[in-house]
Amino acid sequence: MSYYVDDQITRDMPSKNSGYTLSSKSNCTNGVTVEWDDEIWMAKILFSNYQKKIIQE
């Protein structure tokens, strides 16, 4: 998982007291949605709309 911090992509998650929150850049291309829980400082990845991509050979 990567994060955008000040419009720069990083794999380092900001600390809870940094003042950052999840932005609208959080997305997946397969129907999975991402939410951020500020209380427990954790991403919630919701697979209810997941659609497996079929790769044509």
PDB file of N, CA and C in Angstrom:
ATOM      1  N   MET A   1       0.852  -1.172   0.000  1.00  0.00           N
ATOM      2  CA  MET A   1       0.000   0.000   0.000  1.00  0.00           C
ATOM      3  C   MET A   1       0.892   1.227   0.000  1.00  0.00           C
ATOM      4  N   SER A   2       0.515   2.191  -0.797  1.00  0.00           N
ATOM      5  CA  SER A   2       1.247   3.452  -0.862  1.00  0.00           C
ATOM      6  C   SER A   2       0.359   4.579  -0.362  1.00  0.00           C
ATOM      7  N   TYR A   3       0.969   5.653   0.032  1.00  0.00           N
ATOM      8  CA  TYR A   3       0.269   6.824   0.549  1.00  0.00           C
ATOM      9  C   TYR A   3       0.737   8.041  -0.228  1.00  0.00           C
ATOM     10  N   TYR A   4      -0.146   9.025  -0.360  1.00  0.00           N
ATOM     11  CA  TYR A   4       0.245  10.322  -0.889  1.00  0.00           C
ATOM     12  C   TYR A   4       0.368  11.276   0.290  1.00  0.00           C
ATOM     13  N   VAL A   5       1.537  11.855   0.452  1.00  0.00           N
ATOM     14  CA  VAL A   5       1.786  12.838   1.500  1.00  0.00           C
ATOM     15  C   VAL A   5       2.296  14.098   0.803  1.00  0.00           C
ATOM     16  N   ASP A   6       1.570  15.174   0.955  1.00  0.00           N
ATOM     17  CA  ASP A   6       1.888  16.432   0.269  1.00  0.00           C
ATOM     18  C   ASP A   6       2.059  16.206  -1.230  1.00  0.00           C
ATOM     19  N   ASP A   7       1.126  15.444  -1.821  1.00  0.00           N
ATOM     20  CA  ASP A   7       1.092  15.130  -3.252  1.00  0.00           C
ATOM     21  C   ASP A   7       2.291  14.313  -3.740  1.00  0.00           C
ATOM     22  N   GLN A   8       3.006  13.676  -2.835  1.00  0.00           N
ATOM     23  CA  GLN A   8       4.109  12.794  -3.194  1.00  0.00           C
ATOM     24  C   GLN A   8       3.786  11.391  -2.715  1.00  0.00           C
ATOM     25  N   ILE A   9       3.974  10.383  -3.585  1.00  0.00           N
ATOM     26  CA  ILE A   9       3.674   9.012  -3.202  1.00  0.00           C
ATOM     27  C   ILE A   9       4.795   8.463  -2.312  1.00  0.00           C
ATOM     28  N   THR A  10       4.387   7.727  -1.284  1.00  0.00           N
ATOM     29  CA  THR A  10       5.348   7.143  -0.352  1.00  0.00           C
ATOM     30  C   THR A  10       4.770   5.848   0.207  1.00  0.00           C
ATOM     31  N   ARG A  11       5.613   4.982   0.677  1.00  0.00           N
ATOM     32  CA  ARG A  11       5.156   3.767   1.351  1.00  0.00           C
ATOM     33  C   ARG A  11       5.209   3.943   2.876  1.00  0.00           C
ATOM     34  N   ASP A  12       5.672   5.098   3.327  1.00  0.00           N
ATOM     35  CA  ASP A  12       5.760   5.382   4.764  1.00  0.00           C
ATOM     36  C   ASP A  12       4.460   6.014   5.239  1.00  0.00           C
ATOM     37  N   MET A  13       3.724   5.302   6.080  1.00  0.00           N
ATOM     38  CA  MET A  13       2.458   5.814   6.596  1.00  0.00           C
ATOM     39  C   MET A  13       2.707   6.956   7.580  1.00  0.00           C
ATOM     40  N   PRO A  14       2.016   8.083   7.420  1.00  0.00           N
ATOM     41  CA  PRO A  14       2.158   9.188   8.374  1.00  0.00           C
ATOM     42  C   PRO A  14       1.695   8.747   9.767  1.00  0.00           C
ATOM     43  N   SER A  15       2.287   9.311  10.794  1.00  0.00           N
ATOM     44  CA  SER A  15       1.884   8.977  12.160  1.00  0.00           C
ATOM     45  C   SER A  15       0.512   9.570  12.461  1.00  0.00           C
ATOM     46  N   LYS A  16      -0.152   9.027  13.465  1.00  0.00           N
ATOM     47  CA  LYS A  16      -1.505   9.468  13.819  1.00  0.00           C
ATOM     48  C   LYS A  16      -1.554  10.946  14.173  1.00  0.00           C
ATOM     49  N   ASN A  17      -0.515  11.472  14.775  1.00  0.00           N
ATOM     50  CA  ASN A  17      -0.500  12.867  15.209  1.00  0.00           C
ATOM     51  C   ASN A  17       0.074  13.815  14.153  1.00  0.00           C
ATOM     52  N   SER A  18       0.241  13.336  12.914  1.00  0.00           N
ATOM     53  CA  SER A  18       0.844  14.159  11.866  1.00  0.00           C
ATOM     54  C   SER A  18      -0.118  15.202  11.297  1.00  0.00           C
ATOM     55  N   GLY A  19      -1.437  14.996  11.486  1.00  0.00           N
ATOM     56  CA  GLY A  19      -2.419  15.914  10.930  1.00  0.00           C
ATOM     57  C   GLY A  19      -2.936  15.505   9.565  1.00  0.00           C
ATOM     58  N   TYR A  20      -2.408  14.426   9.000  1.00  0.00           N
ATOM     59  CA  TYR A  20      -2.864  13.960   7.693  1.00  0.00           C
ATOM     60  C   TYR A  20      -4.092  13.068   7.835  1.00  0.00           C
ATOM     61  N   THR A  21      -4.903  13.025   6.777  1.00  0.00           N
ATOM     62  CA  THR A  21      -6.058  12.122   6.698  1.00  0.00           C
ATOM     63  C   THR A  21      -6.069  11.492   5.309  1.00  0.00           C
ATOM     64  N   LEU A  22      -6.917  10.497   5.113  1.00  0.00           N
ATOM     65  CA  LEU A  22      -7.021   9.828   3.830  1.00  0.00           C
ATOM     66  C   LEU A  22      -7.611  10.782   2.798  1.00  0.00           C
ATOM     67  N   SER A  23      -6.987  10.837   1.625  1.00  0.00           N
ATOM     68  CA  SER A  23      -7.467  11.745   0.580  1.00  0.00           C
ATOM     69  C   SER A  23      -8.270  10.992  -0.466  1.00  0.00           C
ATOM     70  N   SER A  24      -8.826  11.739  -1.380  1.00  0.00           N
ATOM     71  CA  SER A  24      -9.641  11.145  -2.441  1.00  0.00           C
ATOM     72  C   SER A  24      -8.807  10.387  -3.464  1.00  0.00           C
ATOM     73  N   LYS A  25      -7.484  10.431  -3.355  1.00  0.00           N
ATOM     74  CA  LYS A  25      -6.637   9.681  -4.279  1.00  0.00           C
ATOM     75  C   LYS A  25      -6.639   8.190  -3.965  1.00  0.00           C
ATOM     76  N   SER A  26      -7.247   7.790  -2.877  1.00  0.00           N
ATOM     77  CA  SER A  26      -7.284   6.384  -2.500  1.00  0.00           C
ATOM     78  C   SER A  26      -8.312   5.671  -3.343  1.00  0.00           C
ATOM     79  N   ASN A  27      -7.840   4.728  -4.150  1.00  0.00           N
ATOM     80  CA  ASN A  27      -8.761   3.996  -4.999  1.00  0.00           C
ATOM     81  C   ASN A  27      -8.148   2.699  -5.477  1.00  0.00           C
ATOM     82  N   CYS A  28      -8.994   1.838  -5.981  1.00  0.00           N
ATOM     83  CA  CYS A  28      -8.597   0.575  -6.576  1.00  0.00           C
ATOM     84  C   CYS A  28      -9.300   0.465  -7.918  1.00  0.00           C
ATOM     85  N   THR A  29      -8.757  -0.325  -8.808  1.00  0.00           N
ATOM     86  CA  THR A  29      -9.342  -0.441 -10.143  1.00  0.00           C
ATOM     87  C   THR A  29     -10.207  -1.686 -10.299  1.00  0.00           C
ATOM     88  N   ASN A  30     -10.408  -2.440  -9.227  1.00  0.00           N
ATOM     89  CA  ASN A  30     -11.163  -3.691  -9.333  1.00  0.00           C
ATOM     90  C   ASN A  30     -12.440  -3.688  -8.502  1.00  0.00           C
ATOM     91  N   GLY A  31     -12.947  -2.509  -8.167  1.00  0.00           N
ATOM     92  CA  GLY A  31     -14.186  -2.416  -7.409  1.00  0.00           C
ATOM     93  C   GLY A  31     -14.002  -2.378  -5.904  1.00  0.00           C
ATOM     94  N   VAL A  32     -12.809  -2.680  -5.424  1.00  0.00           N
ATOM     95  CA  VAL A  32     -12.529  -2.618  -3.990  1.00  0.00           C
ATOM     96  C   VAL A  32     -12.490  -1.153  -3.572  1.00  0.00           C
ATOM     97  N   THR A  33     -13.044  -0.843  -2.402  1.00  0.00           N
ATOM     98  CA  THR A  33     -13.005   0.527  -1.905  1.00  0.00           C
ATOM     99  C   THR A  33     -12.151   0.602  -0.647  1.00  0.00           C
ATOM    100  N   VAL A  34     -11.588   1.766  -0.441  1.00  0.00           N
ATOM    101  CA  VAL A  34     -10.716   1.984   0.713  1.00  0.00           C
ATOM    102  C   VAL A  34     -11.301   3.096   1.563  1.00  0.00           C
ATOM    103  N   GLU A  35     -11.402   2.846   2.844  1.00  0.00           N
ATOM    104  CA  GLU A  35     -11.824   3.869   3.809  1.00  0.00           C
ATOM    105  C   GLU A  35     -10.736   3.972   4.865  1.00  0.00           C
ATOM    106  N   TRP A  36     -10.667   5.110   5.504  1.00  0.00           N
ATOM    107  CA  TRP A  36      -9.682   5.309   6.558  1.00  0.00           C
ATOM    108  C   TRP A  36     -10.407   5.545   7.873  1.00  0.00           C
ATOM    109  N   ASP A  37     -10.003   4.844   8.910  1.00  0.00           N
ATOM    110  CA  ASP A  37     -10.579   5.016  10.242  1.00  0.00           C
ATOM    111  C   ASP A  37      -9.604   5.863  11.059  1.00  0.00           C
ATOM    112  N   ASP A  38      -9.947   7.140  11.248  1.00  0.00           N
ATOM    113  CA  ASP A  38      -9.070   8.049  12.001  1.00  0.00           C
ATOM    114  C   ASP A  38      -8.936   7.648  13.463  1.00  0.00           C
ATOM    115  N   GLU A  39      -9.952   7.000  14.005  1.00  0.00           N
ATOM    116  CA  GLU A  39      -9.940   6.616  15.420  1.00  0.00           C
ATOM    117  C   GLU A  39      -8.868   5.565  15.721  1.00  0.00           C
ATOM    118  N   ILE A  40      -8.800   4.539  14.869  1.00  0.00           N
ATOM    119  CA  ILE A  40      -7.812   3.470  15.103  1.00  0.00           C
ATOM    120  C   ILE A  40      -6.622   3.571  14.154  1.00  0.00           C
ATOM    121  N   TRP A  41      -6.615   4.592  13.290  1.00  0.00           N
ATOM    122  CA  TRP A  41      -5.531   4.894  12.361  1.00  0.00           C
ATOM    123  C   TRP A  41      -5.181   3.681  11.505  1.00  0.00           C
ATOM    124  N   MET A  42      -6.218   3.227  10.780  1.00  0.00           N
ATOM    125  CA  MET A  42      -6.063   2.023   9.973  1.00  0.00           C
ATOM    126  C   MET A  42      -6.929   2.119   8.724  1.00  0.00           C
ATOM    127  N   ALA A  43      -6.410   1.567   7.622  1.00  0.00           N
ATOM    128  CA  ALA A  43      -7.196   1.484   6.391  1.00  0.00           C
ATOM    129  C   ALA A  43      -8.163   0.320   6.496  1.00  0.00           C
ATOM    130  N   LYS A  44      -9.365   0.542   5.990  1.00  0.00           N
ATOM    131  CA  LYS A  44     -10.361  -0.519   5.887  1.00  0.00           C
ATOM    132  C   LYS A  44     -10.563  -0.769   4.403  1.00  0.00           C
ATOM    133  N   ILE A  45     -10.283  -1.984   3.973  1.00  0.00           N
ATOM    134  CA  ILE A  45     -10.390  -2.339   2.569  1.00  0.00           C
ATOM    135  C   ILE A  45     -11.635  -3.196   2.414  1.00  0.00           C
ATOM    136  N   LEU A  46     -12.592  -2.693   1.635  1.00  0.00           N
ATOM    137  CA  LEU A  46     -13.890  -3.336   1.501  1.00  0.00           C
ATOM    138  C   LEU A  46     -13.990  -4.059   0.159  1.00  0.00           C
ATOM    139  N   PHE A  47     -14.173  -5.371   0.225  1.00  0.00           N
ATOM    140  CA  PHE A  47     -14.183  -6.206  -0.971  1.00  0.00           C
ATOM    141  C   PHE A  47     -15.593  -6.516  -1.481  1.00  0.00           C
ATOM    142  N   SER A  48     -16.629  -5.876  -0.961  1.00  0.00           N
ATOM    143  CA  SER A  48     -18.007  -6.230  -1.334  1.00  0.00           C
ATOM    144  C   SER A  48     -18.299  -6.005  -2.819  1.00  0.00           C
ATOM    145  N   ASN A  49     -17.603  -5.092  -3.477  1.00  0.00           N
ATOM    146  CA  ASN A  49     -17.806  -4.837  -4.912  1.00  0.00           C
ATOM    147  C   ASN A  49     -16.660  -5.359  -5.767  1.00  0.00           C
ATOM    148  N   TYR A  50     -15.844  -6.240  -5.194  1.00  0.00           N
ATOM    149  CA  TYR A  50     -14.677  -6.762  -5.906  1.00  0.00           C
ATOM    150  C   TYR A  50     -15.092  -7.495  -7.180  1.00  0.00           C
ATOM    151  N   GLN A  51     -14.393  -7.215  -8.251  1.00  0.00           N
ATOM    152  CA  GLN A  51     -14.618  -7.902  -9.513  1.00  0.00           C
ATOM    153  C   GLN A  51     -13.276  -8.400 -10.032  1.00  0.00           C
ATOM    154  N   LYS A  52     -13.167  -9.720 -10.147  1.00  0.00           N
ATOM    155  CA  LYS A  52     -11.932 -10.320 -10.634  1.00  0.00           C
ATOM    156  C   LYS A  52     -11.726  -9.936 -12.099  1.00  0.00           C
ATOM    157  N   LYS A  53     -10.518  -9.487 -12.402  1.00  0.00           N
ATOM    158  CA  LYS A  53     -10.201  -9.157 -13.774  1.00  0.00           C
ATOM    159  C   LYS A  53      -9.748 -10.402 -14.509  1.00  0.00           C
ATOM    160  N   ILE A  54     -10.312 -10.619 -15.660  1.00  0.00           N
ATOM    161  CA  ILE A  54      -9.945 -11.776 -16.474  1.00  0.00           C
ATOM    162  C   ILE A  54      -8.930 -11.298 -17.512  1.00  0.00           C
ATOM    163  N   ILE A  55      -7.791 -11.956 -17.502  1.00  0.00           N
ATOM    164  CA  ILE A  55      -6.726 -11.587 -18.436  1.00  0.00           C
ATOM    165  C   ILE A  55      -6.811 -12.530 -19.636  1.00  0.00           C
ATOM    166  N   GLN A  56      -6.965 -11.934 -20.792  1.00  0.00           N
ATOM    167  CA  GLN A  56      -7.037 -12.710 -22.032  1.00  0.00           C
ATOM    168  C   GLN A  56      -5.625 -13.055 -22.476  1.00  0.00           C
ATOM    169  N   GLU A  57      -5.420 -14.305 -22.828  1.00  0.00           N
ATOM    170  CA  GLU A  57      -4.097 -14.718 -23.300  1.00  0.00           C
ATOM    171  C   GLU A  57      -4.079 -14.842 -24.798  1.00  0.00           C
TER     172      GLU A  57
END
